[in-house]
């Protein structure tokens, strides 16, 4: 898994196409031809990431929406972001 920090911003790869279907999403990696499925929360996180904020911003938005300990949300955001990057679906963006 790719290491990411809570202050990183992610940028979706220009080699992916995403389609939302009934609250869930399918991502196609055009480079490898591999499809990835995202559940509703994964889709929501992808949308927040694509808006250009930091993972800290994503974490704060999810913390305001879900009744879960802040540390758990942060750990899951970082894990998910790391997996997205490891699969080449996004990358750590240059600082603004």
N, C-alpha and C. Protein backbone atom coordinates (compact mmCIF):
# COMPACT_ATOMS: atom_id res chain seq x y z
N UNK A 1 0.84 -1.18 0.00
CA UNK A 1 0.00 0.00 0.00
C UNK A 1 0.88 1.24 0.00
N UNK A 2 0.47 2.27 -0.68
CA UNK A 2 1.19 3.53 -0.75
C UNK A 2 0.93 4.33 0.52
N UNK A 3 1.98 4.87 1.09
CA UNK A 3 1.84 5.69 2.31
C UNK A 3 1.35 7.08 1.93
N UNK A 4 0.31 7.52 2.59
CA UNK A 4 -0.20 8.87 2.40
C UNK A 4 -0.33 9.51 3.78
N UNK A 5 -0.35 10.81 3.78
CA UNK A 5 -0.47 11.56 5.03
C UNK A 5 -1.82 12.28 5.05
N UNK A 6 -2.28 12.58 6.23
CA UNK A 6 -3.59 13.24 6.39
C UNK A 6 -3.59 14.63 5.73
N UNK A 7 -2.43 15.23 5.54
CA UNK A 7 -2.37 16.55 4.91
C UNK A 7 -2.19 16.50 3.40
N UNK A 8 -2.06 15.29 2.84
CA UNK A 8 -1.95 15.14 1.39
C UNK A 8 -3.27 15.43 0.69
N UNK A 9 -3.14 15.93 -0.52
CA UNK A 9 -4.27 16.03 -1.44
C UNK A 9 -4.05 14.97 -2.49
N UNK A 10 -5.12 14.34 -2.93
CA UNK A 10 -5.02 13.34 -3.98
C UNK A 10 -5.63 13.88 -5.26
N UNK A 11 -5.09 13.44 -6.37
CA UNK A 11 -5.63 13.80 -7.68
C UNK A 11 -5.95 12.50 -8.41
N UNK A 12 -7.19 12.35 -8.87
CA UNK A 12 -7.53 11.15 -9.64
C UNK A 12 -6.65 11.06 -10.89
N UNK A 13 -6.27 9.86 -11.25
CA UNK A 13 -5.48 9.63 -12.45
C UNK A 13 -6.28 10.02 -13.68
N UNK A 14 -5.58 10.51 -14.70
CA UNK A 14 -6.27 10.82 -15.95
C UNK A 14 -6.53 9.54 -16.75
N UNK A 15 -6.10 8.41 -16.21
CA UNK A 15 -6.31 7.11 -16.86
C UNK A 15 -7.48 6.33 -16.27
N UNK A 16 -8.35 7.01 -15.51
CA UNK A 16 -9.50 6.32 -14.94
C UNK A 16 -10.80 6.98 -15.39
N UNK A 17 -11.81 6.15 -15.50
CA UNK A 17 -13.16 6.61 -15.79
C UNK A 17 -14.03 6.07 -14.67
N UNK A 18 -14.86 6.91 -14.11
CA UNK A 18 -15.72 6.49 -13.02
C UNK A 18 -17.17 6.75 -13.39
N UNK A 19 -18.03 5.80 -13.05
CA UNK A 19 -19.46 5.94 -13.27
C UNK A 19 -20.18 5.56 -11.99
N UNK A 20 -21.09 6.43 -11.58
CA UNK A 20 -21.88 6.16 -10.38
C UNK A 20 -23.18 5.48 -10.80
N UNK A 21 -23.52 4.45 -10.06
CA UNK A 21 -24.74 3.68 -10.32
C UNK A 21 -25.46 3.44 -9.00
N UNK A 22 -26.57 4.11 -8.79
CA UNK A 22 -27.38 3.91 -7.59
C UNK A 22 -26.57 4.07 -6.30
N UNK A 23 -25.75 5.11 -6.22
CA UNK A 23 -25.00 5.40 -5.01
C UNK A 23 -23.69 4.66 -4.88
N UNK A 24 -23.41 3.73 -5.76
CA UNK A 24 -22.13 3.03 -5.78
C UNK A 24 -21.43 3.39 -7.08
N UNK A 25 -20.16 3.04 -7.19
CA UNK A 25 -19.41 3.43 -8.39
C UNK A 25 -18.58 2.29 -8.92
N UNK A 26 -18.30 2.40 -10.20
CA UNK A 26 -17.38 1.50 -10.88
C UNK A 26 -16.30 2.39 -11.47
N UNK A 27 -15.04 2.01 -11.21
CA UNK A 27 -13.90 2.74 -11.76
C UNK A 27 -13.22 1.82 -12.75
N UNK A 28 -12.96 2.31 -13.94
CA UNK A 28 -12.21 1.57 -14.94
C UNK A 28 -10.84 2.21 -15.07
N UNK A 29 -9.81 1.42 -14.85
CA UNK A 29 -8.44 1.86 -15.08
C UNK A 29 -8.14 1.59 -16.55
N UNK A 30 -8.11 2.63 -17.37
CA UNK A 30 -7.92 2.48 -18.81
C UNK A 30 -6.55 1.89 -19.15
N UNK A 31 -5.57 2.13 -18.30
CA UNK A 31 -4.22 1.63 -18.55
C UNK A 31 -4.16 0.11 -18.42
N UNK A 32 -4.78 -0.43 -17.36
CA UNK A 32 -4.70 -1.88 -17.12
C UNK A 32 -5.94 -2.63 -17.59
N UNK A 33 -7.05 -1.90 -17.79
CA UNK A 33 -8.29 -2.55 -18.16
C UNK A 33 -9.02 -3.19 -16.99
N UNK A 34 -8.57 -2.90 -15.77
CA UNK A 34 -9.15 -3.48 -14.56
C UNK A 34 -10.27 -2.56 -14.03
N UNK A 35 -11.36 -3.20 -13.61
CA UNK A 35 -12.48 -2.49 -12.99
C UNK A 35 -12.37 -2.59 -11.48
N UNK A 36 -12.79 -1.54 -10.79
CA UNK A 36 -12.85 -1.52 -9.33
C UNK A 36 -14.24 -1.08 -8.93
N UNK A 37 -14.81 -1.68 -7.91
CA UNK A 37 -16.12 -1.29 -7.41
C UNK A 37 -15.98 -0.55 -6.10
N UNK A 38 -16.75 0.52 -5.94
CA UNK A 38 -16.79 1.26 -4.69
C UNK A 38 -18.20 1.21 -4.13
N UNK A 39 -18.30 0.92 -2.83
CA UNK A 39 -19.61 0.97 -2.19
C UNK A 39 -20.00 2.43 -1.98
N UNK A 40 -21.10 2.66 -1.31
CA UNK A 40 -21.59 4.02 -1.12
C UNK A 40 -20.62 4.93 -0.40
N UNK A 41 -19.99 4.44 0.66
CA UNK A 41 -19.03 5.27 1.41
C UNK A 41 -17.78 5.50 0.57
N UNK A 42 -17.30 4.47 -0.11
CA UNK A 42 -16.14 4.64 -0.99
C UNK A 42 -16.41 5.66 -2.08
N UNK A 43 -17.61 5.61 -2.63
CA UNK A 43 -18.01 6.59 -3.64
C UNK A 43 -18.01 8.00 -3.06
N UNK A 44 -18.52 8.13 -1.85
CA UNK A 44 -18.57 9.44 -1.19
C UNK A 44 -17.14 9.96 -0.94
N UNK A 45 -16.25 9.09 -0.48
CA UNK A 45 -14.87 9.49 -0.24
C UNK A 45 -14.22 9.90 -1.57
N UNK A 46 -14.43 9.12 -2.64
CA UNK A 46 -13.87 9.47 -3.95
C UNK A 46 -14.34 10.86 -4.38
N UNK A 47 -15.63 11.14 -4.18
CA UNK A 47 -16.18 12.45 -4.55
C UNK A 47 -15.51 13.56 -3.75
N UNK A 48 -15.32 13.35 -2.46
CA UNK A 48 -14.66 14.36 -1.62
C UNK A 48 -13.21 14.55 -2.06
N UNK A 49 -12.51 13.48 -2.35
CA UNK A 49 -11.12 13.55 -2.82
C UNK A 49 -11.05 14.34 -4.13
N UNK A 50 -11.96 14.04 -5.04
CA UNK A 50 -11.96 14.69 -6.36
C UNK A 50 -12.25 16.19 -6.27
N UNK A 51 -12.82 16.65 -5.15
CA UNK A 51 -13.08 18.08 -4.98
C UNK A 51 -11.81 18.87 -4.68
N UNK A 52 -10.70 18.15 -4.41
CA UNK A 52 -9.41 18.82 -4.29
C UNK A 52 -8.95 19.19 -2.90
N UNK A 53 -9.73 18.86 -1.89
CA UNK A 53 -9.28 19.15 -0.53
C UNK A 53 -8.27 18.12 -0.06
N UNK A 54 -7.71 18.36 1.09
CA UNK A 54 -6.76 17.41 1.66
C UNK A 54 -7.52 16.23 2.28
N UNK A 55 -6.78 15.20 2.59
CA UNK A 55 -7.40 14.07 3.28
C UNK A 55 -7.89 14.51 4.66
N UNK A 56 -7.29 15.53 5.23
CA UNK A 56 -7.80 16.10 6.49
C UNK A 56 -9.20 16.67 6.27
N UNK A 57 -9.42 17.32 5.13
CA UNK A 57 -10.75 17.85 4.81
C UNK A 57 -11.76 16.72 4.62
N UNK A 58 -11.33 15.65 3.94
CA UNK A 58 -12.19 14.47 3.76
C UNK A 58 -12.54 13.88 5.11
N UNK A 59 -11.54 13.75 5.97
CA UNK A 59 -11.73 13.21 7.31
C UNK A 59 -12.73 14.05 8.10
N UNK A 60 -12.59 15.36 8.03
CA UNK A 60 -13.49 16.26 8.77
C UNK A 60 -14.92 16.14 8.26
N UNK A 61 -15.08 16.05 6.94
CA UNK A 61 -16.42 15.92 6.37
C UNK A 61 -17.08 14.61 6.82
N UNK A 62 -16.31 13.52 6.79
CA UNK A 62 -16.87 12.24 7.22
C UNK A 62 -17.16 12.23 8.72
N UNK A 63 -16.29 12.88 9.50
CA UNK A 63 -16.51 12.97 10.94
C UNK A 63 -17.79 13.71 11.28
N UNK A 64 -18.15 14.70 10.46
CA UNK A 64 -19.38 15.45 10.68
C UNK A 64 -20.62 14.65 10.28
N UNK A 65 -20.44 13.64 9.42
CA UNK A 65 -21.56 12.86 8.91
C UNK A 65 -21.80 11.55 9.65
N UNK A 66 -20.73 10.96 10.18
CA UNK A 66 -20.85 9.63 10.77
C UNK A 66 -20.50 9.64 12.24
N UNK A 67 -21.21 8.83 12.99
CA UNK A 67 -20.98 8.71 14.43
C UNK A 67 -19.96 7.59 14.67
N UNK A 68 -18.70 7.96 14.53
CA UNK A 68 -17.61 7.01 14.75
C UNK A 68 -16.45 7.79 15.36
N UNK A 69 -15.60 7.12 16.11
CA UNK A 69 -14.45 7.82 16.70
C UNK A 69 -13.56 8.43 15.61
N UNK A 70 -13.06 9.63 15.87
CA UNK A 70 -12.25 10.36 14.89
C UNK A 70 -11.04 9.55 14.44
N UNK A 71 -10.41 8.84 15.35
CA UNK A 71 -9.24 8.04 15.00
C UNK A 71 -9.56 6.91 14.04
N UNK A 72 -10.73 6.32 14.20
CA UNK A 72 -11.16 5.24 13.31
C UNK A 72 -11.40 5.79 11.91
N UNK A 73 -12.08 6.92 11.83
CA UNK A 73 -12.34 7.52 10.52
C UNK A 73 -11.03 7.88 9.83
N UNK A 74 -10.12 8.51 10.56
CA UNK A 74 -8.85 8.90 9.96
C UNK A 74 -8.07 7.68 9.47
N UNK A 75 -8.02 6.65 10.27
CA UNK A 75 -7.31 5.43 9.89
C UNK A 75 -7.89 4.83 8.61
N UNK A 76 -9.22 4.81 8.51
CA UNK A 76 -9.88 4.25 7.33
C UNK A 76 -9.70 5.13 6.10
N UNK A 77 -9.73 6.44 6.27
CA UNK A 77 -9.50 7.37 5.16
C UNK A 77 -8.08 7.16 4.61
N UNK A 78 -7.10 7.08 5.50
CA UNK A 78 -5.72 6.89 5.06
C UNK A 78 -5.52 5.53 4.41
N UNK A 79 -6.15 4.48 4.94
CA UNK A 79 -6.04 3.14 4.35
C UNK A 79 -6.64 3.13 2.94
N UNK A 80 -7.85 3.69 2.82
CA UNK A 80 -8.53 3.72 1.53
C UNK A 80 -7.74 4.55 0.52
N UNK A 81 -7.26 5.72 0.93
CA UNK A 81 -6.48 6.59 0.05
C UNK A 81 -5.21 5.88 -0.40
N UNK A 82 -4.56 5.17 0.51
CA UNK A 82 -3.36 4.42 0.17
C UNK A 82 -3.64 3.34 -0.85
N UNK A 83 -4.77 2.66 -0.70
CA UNK A 83 -5.15 1.62 -1.67
C UNK A 83 -5.45 2.22 -3.04
N UNK A 84 -6.14 3.36 -3.07
CA UNK A 84 -6.42 4.02 -4.35
C UNK A 84 -5.11 4.35 -5.06
N UNK A 85 -4.15 4.89 -4.31
CA UNK A 85 -2.86 5.25 -4.91
C UNK A 85 -2.08 4.01 -5.32
N UNK A 86 -2.11 2.98 -4.51
CA UNK A 86 -1.36 1.75 -4.82
C UNK A 86 -1.86 1.11 -6.12
N UNK A 87 -3.15 1.27 -6.40
CA UNK A 87 -3.72 0.70 -7.62
C UNK A 87 -3.60 1.67 -8.81
N UNK A 88 -3.02 2.85 -8.58
CA UNK A 88 -2.82 3.80 -9.67
C UNK A 88 -4.06 4.59 -10.04
N UNK A 89 -5.08 4.56 -9.17
CA UNK A 89 -6.33 5.26 -9.48
C UNK A 89 -6.23 6.75 -9.15
N UNK A 90 -5.28 7.09 -8.29
CA UNK A 90 -5.02 8.49 -7.98
C UNK A 90 -3.56 8.59 -7.54
N UNK A 91 -3.13 9.80 -7.31
CA UNK A 91 -1.76 10.06 -6.86
C UNK A 91 -1.77 11.21 -5.90
N UNK A 92 -0.72 11.31 -5.12
CA UNK A 92 -0.58 12.47 -4.23
C UNK A 92 -0.30 13.68 -5.11
N UNK A 93 -1.11 14.71 -4.95
CA UNK A 93 -1.01 15.92 -5.77
C UNK A 93 0.08 16.85 -5.23
N UNK A 94 0.57 17.68 -6.10
CA UNK A 94 1.54 18.69 -5.69
C UNK A 94 0.87 19.65 -4.72
N UNK A 95 1.61 20.16 -3.73
CA UNK A 95 1.02 21.14 -2.82
C UNK A 95 0.57 22.38 -3.59
N UNK A 96 -0.49 22.99 -3.08
CA UNK A 96 -1.01 24.20 -3.74
C UNK A 96 -0.16 25.39 -3.43
